[in-house]
PDB file of N, CA and C in Angstrom:
ATOM      1  N   MET A   1     -26.411  33.487  50.361  1.00  0.00           N
ATOM      2  CA  MET A   1     -27.631  32.853  50.825  1.00  0.00           C
ATOM      3  C   MET A   1     -27.297  31.407  51.175  1.00  0.00           C
ATOM      4  N   SER A   2     -27.774  30.938  52.305  1.00  0.00           N
ATOM      5  CA  SER A   2     -27.475  29.577  52.726  1.00  0.00           C
ATOM      6  C   SER A   2     -28.220  28.567  51.854  1.00  0.00           C
ATOM      7  N   GLU A   3     -27.721  27.335  51.838  1.00  0.00           N
ATOM      8  CA  GLU A   3     -28.348  26.269  51.042  1.00  0.00           C
ATOM      9  C   GLU A   3     -29.781  26.022  51.504  1.00  0.00           C
ATOM     10  N   GLU A   4     -30.004  26.037  52.814  1.00  0.00           N
ATOM     11  CA  GLU A   4     -31.359  25.817  53.339  1.00  0.00           C
ATOM     12  C   GLU A   4     -32.309  26.937  52.900  1.00  0.00           C
ATOM     13  N   ALA A   5     -31.840  28.175  52.936  1.00  0.00           N
ATOM     14  CA  ALA A   5     -32.677  29.295  52.502  1.00  0.00           C
ATOM     15  C   ALA A   5     -32.994  29.190  51.017  1.00  0.00           C
ATOM     16  N   ARG A   6     -32.012  28.751  50.220  1.00  0.00           N
ATOM     17  CA  ARG A   6     -32.244  28.577  48.783  1.00  0.00           C
ATOM     18  C   ARG A   6     -33.319  27.526  48.529  1.00  0.00           C
ATOM     19  N   ARG A   7     -33.296  26.454  49.282  1.00  0.00           N
ATOM     20  CA  ARG A   7     -34.266  25.371  49.084  1.00  0.00           C
ATOM     21  C   ARG A   7     -35.680  25.796  49.481  1.00  0.00           C
ATOM     22  N   ASN A   8     -35.792  26.712  50.411  1.00  0.00           N
ATOM     23  CA  ASN A   8     -37.103  27.144  50.871  1.00  0.00           C
ATOM     24  C   ASN A   8     -37.723  28.212  49.984  1.00  0.00           C
ATOM     25  N   GLU A   9     -36.933  28.769  49.065  1.00  0.00           N
ATOM     26  CA  GLU A   9     -37.460  29.763  48.145  1.00  0.00           C
ATOM     27  C   GLU A   9     -38.343  29.094  47.103  1.00  0.00           C
ATOM     28  N   SER A  10     -39.263  29.841  46.578  1.00  0.00           N
ATOM     29  CA  SER A  10     -40.111  29.338  45.506  1.00  0.00           C
ATOM     30  C   SER A  10     -39.573  29.869  44.183  1.00  0.00           C
ATOM     31  N   TRP A  11     -39.129  28.963  43.325  1.00  0.00           N
ATOM     32  CA  TRP A  11     -38.603  29.366  42.031  1.00  0.00           C
ATOM     33  C   TRP A  11     -39.646  29.093  40.968  1.00  0.00           C
ATOM     34  N   GLU A  12     -39.900  30.064  40.126  1.00  0.00           N
ATOM     35  CA  GLU A  12     -40.827  29.895  39.022  1.00  0.00           C
ATOM     36  C   GLU A  12     -40.100  30.243  37.744  1.00  0.00           C
ATOM     37  N   GLY A  13     -40.230  29.400  36.750  1.00  0.00           N
ATOM     38  CA  GLY A  13     -39.571  29.636  35.482  1.00  0.00           C
ATOM     39  C   GLY A  13     -39.365  28.324  34.757  1.00  0.00           C
ATOM     40  N   SER A  14     -38.546  28.377  33.725  1.00  0.00           N
ATOM     41  CA  SER A  14     -38.257  27.177  32.948  1.00  0.00           C
ATOM     42  C   SER A  14     -36.755  26.969  32.890  1.00  0.00           C
ATOM     43  N   PRO A  15     -36.328  25.754  32.526  1.00  0.00           N
ATOM     44  CA  PRO A  15     -34.884  25.524  32.381  1.00  0.00           C
ATOM     45  C   PRO A  15     -34.235  26.460  31.363  1.00  0.00           C
ATOM     46  N   LEU A  16     -34.999  26.958  30.404  1.00  0.00           N
ATOM     47  CA  LEU A  16     -34.449  27.874  29.418  1.00  0.00           C
ATOM     48  C   LEU A  16     -34.026  29.199  30.039  1.00  0.00           C
ATOM     49  N   GLN A  17     -34.557  29.522  31.208  1.00  0.00           N
ATOM     50  CA  GLN A  17     -34.208  30.768  31.883  1.00  0.00           C
ATOM     51  C   GLN A  17     -33.021  30.599  32.830  1.00  0.00           C
ATOM     52  N   MET A  18     -32.351  29.456  32.798  1.00  0.00           N
ATOM     53  CA  MET A  18     -31.277  29.160  33.729  1.00  0.00           C
ATOM     54  C   MET A  18     -29.903  29.533  33.186  1.00  0.00           C
ATOM     55  N   GLU A  19     -29.817  30.276  32.102  1.00  0.00           N
ATOM     56  CA  GLU A  19     -28.559  30.544  31.429  1.00  0.00           C
ATOM     57  C   GLU A  19     -27.540  31.305  32.272  1.00  0.00           C
ATOM     58  N   SER A  20     -27.963  32.017  33.291  1.00  0.00           N
ATOM     59  CA  SER A  20     -27.016  32.806  34.079  1.00  0.00           C
ATOM     60  C   SER A  20     -26.348  32.005  35.190  1.00  0.00           C
ATOM     61  N   GLY A  21     -26.503  30.665  35.174  1.00  0.00           N
ATOM     62  CA  GLY A  21     -25.832  29.826  36.146  1.00  0.00           C
ATOM     63  C   GLY A  21     -26.629  29.584  37.408  1.00  0.00           C
ATOM     64  N   LEU A  22     -27.814  30.128  37.514  1.00  0.00           N
ATOM     65  CA  LEU A  22     -28.655  29.915  38.675  1.00  0.00           C
ATOM     66  C   LEU A  22     -29.206  28.496  38.625  1.00  0.00           C
ATOM     67  N   ASP A  23     -28.993  27.725  39.668  1.00  0.00           N
ATOM     68  CA  ASP A  23     -29.494  26.357  39.691  1.00  0.00           C
ATOM     69  C   ASP A  23     -30.909  26.319  40.253  1.00  0.00           C
ATOM     70  N   PRO A  24     -31.785  25.535  39.654  1.00  0.00           N
ATOM     71  CA  PRO A  24     -33.141  25.383  40.167  1.00  0.00           C
ATOM     72  C   PRO A  24     -33.110  24.568  41.451  1.00  0.00           C
ATOM     73  N   HIS A  25     -34.181  24.598  42.170  1.00  0.00           N
ATOM     74  CA  HIS A  25     -34.229  23.914  43.461  1.00  0.00           C
ATOM     75  C   HIS A  25     -35.143  22.700  43.387  1.00  0.00           C
ATOM     76  N   GLY A  26     -34.676  21.573  43.851  1.00  0.00           N
ATOM     77  CA  GLY A  26     -35.538  20.437  44.112  1.00  0.00           C
ATOM     78  C   GLY A  26     -35.981  19.589  42.938  1.00  0.00           C
ATOM     79  N   ILE A  27     -35.428  19.759  41.740  1.00  0.00           N
ATOM     80  CA  ILE A  27     -35.820  18.890  40.633  1.00  0.00           C
ATOM     81  C   ILE A  27     -34.976  17.619  40.739  1.00  0.00           C
ATOM     82  N   ALA A  28     -35.618  16.522  41.107  1.00  0.00           N
ATOM     83  CA  ALA A  28     -34.907  15.268  41.325  1.00  0.00           C
ATOM     84  C   ALA A  28     -35.123  14.281  40.186  1.00  0.00           C
ATOM     85  N   GLU A  29     -36.197  14.451  39.419  1.00  0.00           N
ATOM     86  CA  GLU A  29     -36.444  13.543  38.301  1.00  0.00           C
ATOM     87  C   GLU A  29     -37.341  14.221  37.273  1.00  0.00           C
ATOM     88  N   ILE A  30     -37.237  13.732  36.055  1.00  0.00           N
ATOM     89  CA  ILE A  30     -38.096  14.174  34.964  1.00  0.00           C
ATOM     90  C   ILE A  30     -38.836  12.935  34.488  1.00  0.00           C
ATOM     91  N   VAL A  31     -40.146  13.011  34.438  1.00  0.00           N
ATOM     92  CA  VAL A  31     -40.957  11.860  34.029  1.00  0.00           C
ATOM     93  C   VAL A  31     -41.587  12.166  32.678  1.00  0.00           C
ATOM     94  N   VAL A  32     -41.348  11.266  31.706  1.00  0.00           N
ATOM     95  CA  VAL A  32     -41.944  11.371  30.379  1.00  0.00           C
ATOM     96  C   VAL A  32     -42.985  10.273  30.272  1.00  0.00           C
ATOM     97  N   GLU A  33     -44.231  10.664  30.052  1.00  0.00           N
ATOM     98  CA  GLU A  33     -45.302   9.685  29.910  1.00  0.00           C
ATOM     99  C   GLU A  33     -45.750   9.656  28.456  1.00  0.00           C
ATOM    100  N   PHE A  34     -45.751   8.466  27.874  1.00  0.00           N
ATOM    101  CA  PHE A  34     -46.115   8.288  26.478  1.00  0.00           C
ATOM    102  C   PHE A  34     -47.597   7.960  26.355  1.00  0.00           C
ATOM    103  N   ASP A  35     -48.155   8.137  25.148  1.00  0.00           N
ATOM    104  CA  ASP A  35     -49.562   7.842  24.896  1.00  0.00           C
ATOM    105  C   ASP A  35     -49.915   6.389  25.182  1.00  0.00           C
ATOM    106  N   THR A  36     -48.941   5.515  25.099  1.00  0.00           N
ATOM    107  CA  THR A  36     -49.174   4.083  25.326  1.00  0.00           C
ATOM    108  C   THR A  36     -49.318   3.743  26.809  1.00  0.00           C
ATOM    109  N   GLY A  37     -49.036   4.706  27.659  1.00  0.00           N
ATOM    110  CA  GLY A  37     -49.077   4.464  29.099  1.00  0.00           C
ATOM    111  C   GLY A  37     -47.702   4.184  29.676  1.00  0.00           C
ATOM    112  N   ASP A  38     -46.735   3.918  28.813  1.00  0.00           N
ATOM    113  CA  ASP A  38     -45.356   3.725  29.277  1.00  0.00           C
ATOM    114  C   ASP A  38     -44.812   5.046  29.776  1.00  0.00           C
ATOM    115  N   GLU A  39     -43.857   4.969  30.658  1.00  0.00           N
ATOM    116  CA  GLU A  39     -43.204   6.186  31.119  1.00  0.00           C
ATOM    117  C   GLU A  39     -41.719   5.946  31.288  1.00  0.00           C
ATOM    118  N   GLU A  40     -40.966   7.015  31.160  1.00  0.00           N
ATOM    119  CA  GLU A  40     -39.525   6.988  31.354  1.00  0.00           C
ATOM    120  C   GLU A  40     -39.187   8.021  32.420  1.00  0.00           C
ATOM    121  N   VAL A  41     -38.437   7.594  33.416  1.00  0.00           N
ATOM    122  CA  VAL A  41     -38.020   8.489  34.493  1.00  0.00           C
ATOM    123  C   VAL A  41     -36.536   8.787  34.291  1.00  0.00           C
ATOM    124  N   ILE A  42     -36.219  10.068  34.184  1.00  0.00           N
ATOM    125  CA  ILE A  42     -34.840  10.494  33.967  1.00  0.00           C
ATOM    126  C   ILE A  42     -34.353  11.151  35.258  1.00  0.00           C
ATOM    127  N   VAL A  43     -33.247  10.638  35.799  1.00  0.00           N
ATOM    128  CA  VAL A  43     -32.681  11.185  37.035  1.00  0.00           C
ATOM    129  C   VAL A  43     -31.242  11.613  36.775  1.00  0.00           C
ATOM    130  N   PRO A  44     -30.749  12.604  37.511  1.00  0.00           N
ATOM    131  CA  PRO A  44     -29.352  13.014  37.333  1.00  0.00           C
ATOM    132  C   PRO A  44     -28.400  11.910  37.785  1.00  0.00           C
ATOM    133  N   LYS A  45     -27.281  11.773  37.113  1.00  0.00           N
ATOM    134  CA  LYS A  45     -26.341  10.696  37.431  1.00  0.00           C
ATOM    135  C   LYS A  45     -25.347  11.056  38.528  1.00  0.00           C
ATOM    136  N   MET A  46     -25.048  12.338  38.685  1.00  0.00           N
ATOM    137  CA  MET A  46     -23.995  12.738  39.611  1.00  0.00           C
ATOM    138  C   MET A  46     -24.500  13.304  40.937  1.00  0.00           C
ATOM    139  N   ARG A  47     -25.764  13.717  40.986  1.00  0.00           N
ATOM    140  CA  ARG A  47     -26.297  14.357  42.196  1.00  0.00           C
ATOM    141  C   ARG A  47     -27.688  13.819  42.482  1.00  0.00           C
ATOM    142  N   GLU A  48     -28.222  14.243  43.610  1.00  0.00           N
ATOM    143  CA  GLU A  48     -29.591  13.870  43.954  1.00  0.00           C
ATOM    144  C   GLU A  48     -30.602  14.752  43.228  1.00  0.00           C
ATOM    145  N   GLU A  49     -30.200  15.972  42.887  1.00  0.00           N
ATOM    146  CA  GLU A  49     -31.080  16.921  42.202  1.00  0.00           C
ATOM    147  C   GLU A  49     -30.367  17.463  40.967  1.00  0.00           C
ATOM    148  N   TYR A  50     -31.165  17.937  40.015  1.00  0.00           N
ATOM    149  CA  TYR A  50     -30.606  18.499  38.799  1.00  0.00           C
ATOM    150  C   TYR A  50     -29.979  19.864  39.055  1.00  0.00           C
ATOM    151  N   GLY A  51     -28.855  20.082  38.423  1.00  0.00           N
ATOM    152  CA  GLY A  51     -28.266  21.406  38.324  1.00  0.00           C
ATOM    153  C   GLY A  51     -28.566  21.939  36.933  1.00  0.00           C
ATOM    154  N   SER A  52     -28.147  23.151  36.651  1.00  0.00           N
ATOM    155  CA  SER A  52     -28.478  23.752  35.359  1.00  0.00           C
ATOM    156  C   SER A  52     -27.851  22.987  34.196  1.00  0.00           C
ATOM    157  N   TYR A  53     -26.629  22.462  34.356  1.00  0.00           N
ATOM    158  CA  TYR A  53     -25.988  21.718  33.275  1.00  0.00           C
ATOM    159  C   TYR A  53     -26.752  20.430  32.985  1.00  0.00           C
ATOM    160  N   GLU A  54     -27.122  19.710  34.041  1.00  0.00           N
ATOM    161  CA  GLU A  54     -27.865  18.471  33.847  1.00  0.00           C
ATOM    162  C   GLU A  54     -29.221  18.723  33.206  1.00  0.00           C
ATOM    163  N   LEU A  55     -29.866  19.841  33.569  1.00  0.00           N
ATOM    164  CA  LEU A  55     -31.137  20.190  32.937  1.00  0.00           C
ATOM    165  C   LEU A  55     -30.945  20.484  31.455  1.00  0.00           C
ATOM    166  N   MET A  56     -29.843  21.128  31.120  1.00  0.00           N
ATOM    167  CA  MET A  56     -29.567  21.397  29.712  1.00  0.00           C
ATOM    168  C   MET A  56     -29.377  20.083  28.956  1.00  0.00           C
ATOM    169  N   GLN A  57     -28.668  19.138  29.551  1.00  0.00           N
ATOM    170  CA  GLN A  57     -28.468  17.837  28.922  1.00  0.00           C
ATOM    171  C   GLN A  57     -29.786  17.078  28.788  1.00  0.00           C
ATOM    172  N   ALA A  58     -30.629  17.145  29.816  1.00  0.00           N
ATOM    173  CA  ALA A  58     -31.938  16.489  29.755  1.00  0.00           C
ATOM    174  C   ALA A  58     -32.802  17.125  28.668  1.00  0.00           C
ATOM    175  N   ALA A  59     -32.720  18.438  28.530  1.00  0.00           N
ATOM    176  CA  ALA A  59     -33.493  19.134  27.494  1.00  0.00           C
ATOM    177  C   ALA A  59     -33.036  18.702  26.103  1.00  0.00           C
ATOM    178  N   THR A  60     -31.743  18.507  25.922  1.00  0.00           N
ATOM    179  CA  THR A  60     -31.220  18.029  24.642  1.00  0.00           C
ATOM    180  C   THR A  60     -31.736  16.631  24.349  1.00  0.00           C
ATOM    181  N   TYR A  61     -31.736  15.768  25.355  1.00  0.00           N
ATOM    182  CA  TYR A  61     -32.259  14.412  25.191  1.00  0.00           C
ATOM    183  C   TYR A  61     -33.753  14.448  24.841  1.00  0.00           C
ATOM    184  N   LEU A  62     -34.521  15.279  25.539  1.00  0.00           N
ATOM    185  CA  LEU A  62     -35.960  15.371  25.268  1.00  0.00           C
ATOM    186  C   LEU A  62     -36.229  15.929  23.878  1.00  0.00           C
ATOM    187  N   ASP A  63     -35.408  16.857  23.422  1.00  0.00           N
ATOM    188  CA  ASP A  63     -35.546  17.386  22.064  1.00  0.00           C
ATOM    189  C   ASP A  63     -35.301  16.286  21.037  1.00  0.00           C
ATOM    190  N   THR A  64     -34.266  15.492  21.259  1.00  0.00           N
ATOM    191  CA  THR A  64     -33.963  14.371  20.357  1.00  0.00           C
ATOM    192  C   THR A  64     -35.093  13.348  20.373  1.00  0.00           C
ATOM    193  N   LEU A  65     -35.587  13.034  21.549  1.00  0.00           N
ATOM    194  CA  LEU A  65     -36.683  12.082  21.689  1.00  0.00           C
ATOM    195  C   LEU A  65     -37.932  12.574  20.970  1.00  0.00           C
ATOM    196  N   SER A  66     -38.282  13.834  21.144  1.00  0.00           N
ATOM    197  CA  SER A  66     -39.481  14.369  20.492  1.00  0.00           C
ATOM    198  C   SER A  66     -39.316  14.389  18.976  1.00  0.00           C
ATOM    199  N   HIS A  67     -38.109  14.674  18.495  1.00  0.00           N
ATOM    200  CA  HIS A  67     -37.861  14.648  17.055  1.00  0.00           C
ATOM    201  C   HIS A  67     -38.058  13.231  16.507  1.00  0.00           C
ATOM    202  N   GLN A  68     -37.522  12.240  17.208  1.00  0.00           N
ATOM    203  CA  GLN A  68     -37.666  10.848  16.768  1.00  0.00           C
ATOM    204  C   GLN A  68     -39.134  10.424  16.752  1.00  0.00           C
ATOM    205  N   LEU A  69     -39.895  10.857  17.735  1.00  0.00           N
ATOM    206  CA  LEU A  69     -41.321  10.512  17.771  1.00  0.00           C
ATOM    207  C   LEU A  69     -42.072  11.152  16.611  1.00  0.00           C
ATOM    208  N   ARG A  70     -41.713  12.390  16.269  1.00  0.00           N
ATOM    209  CA  ARG A  70     -42.349  13.060  15.122  1.00  0.00           C
ATOM    210  C   ARG A  70     -42.022  12.352  13.821  1.00  0.00           C
ATOM    211  N   VAL A  71     -40.767  11.913  13.648  1.00  0.00           N
ATOM    212  CA  VAL A  71     -40.333  11.224  12.432  1.00  0.00           C
ATOM    213  C   VAL A  71     -41.088   9.904  12.278  1.00  0.00           C
ATOM    214  N   HIS A  72     -41.261   9.176  13.370  1.00  0.00           N
ATOM    215  CA  HIS A  72     -41.927   7.860  13.305  1.00  0.00           C
ATOM    216  C   HIS A  72     -43.432   7.987  13.117  1.00  0.00           C
ATOM    217  N   ARG A  73     -44.005   9.120  13.428  1.00  0.00           N
ATOM    218  CA  ARG A  73     -45.449   9.322  13.230  1.00  0.00           C
ATOM    219  C   ARG A  73     -45.807   9.510  11.768  1.00  0.00           C
ATOM    220  N   LYS A  74     -44.862  10.039  10.998  1.00  0.00           N
ATOM    221  CA  LYS A  74     -45.142  10.361   9.593  1.00  0.00           C
ATOM    222  C   LYS A  74     -45.248   9.137   8.752  1.00  0.00           C
TER     223      LYS A  74
END
């Protein structure tokens, strides 16, 4: 399948379903908005869009961030 055809497809799912090496299409940034109104924008460092590996790394970071927020709430 050509790169252009891949980009025009509609992909539905979550990063957790990307284990078979299929890269999602068009995810260029992840925005985390906090209750305070602050936000953090996470972008891939090596490409313009996220690949499955970068999404896995972002998910690990978000898991760590959410754990830290839970600890500080207590």
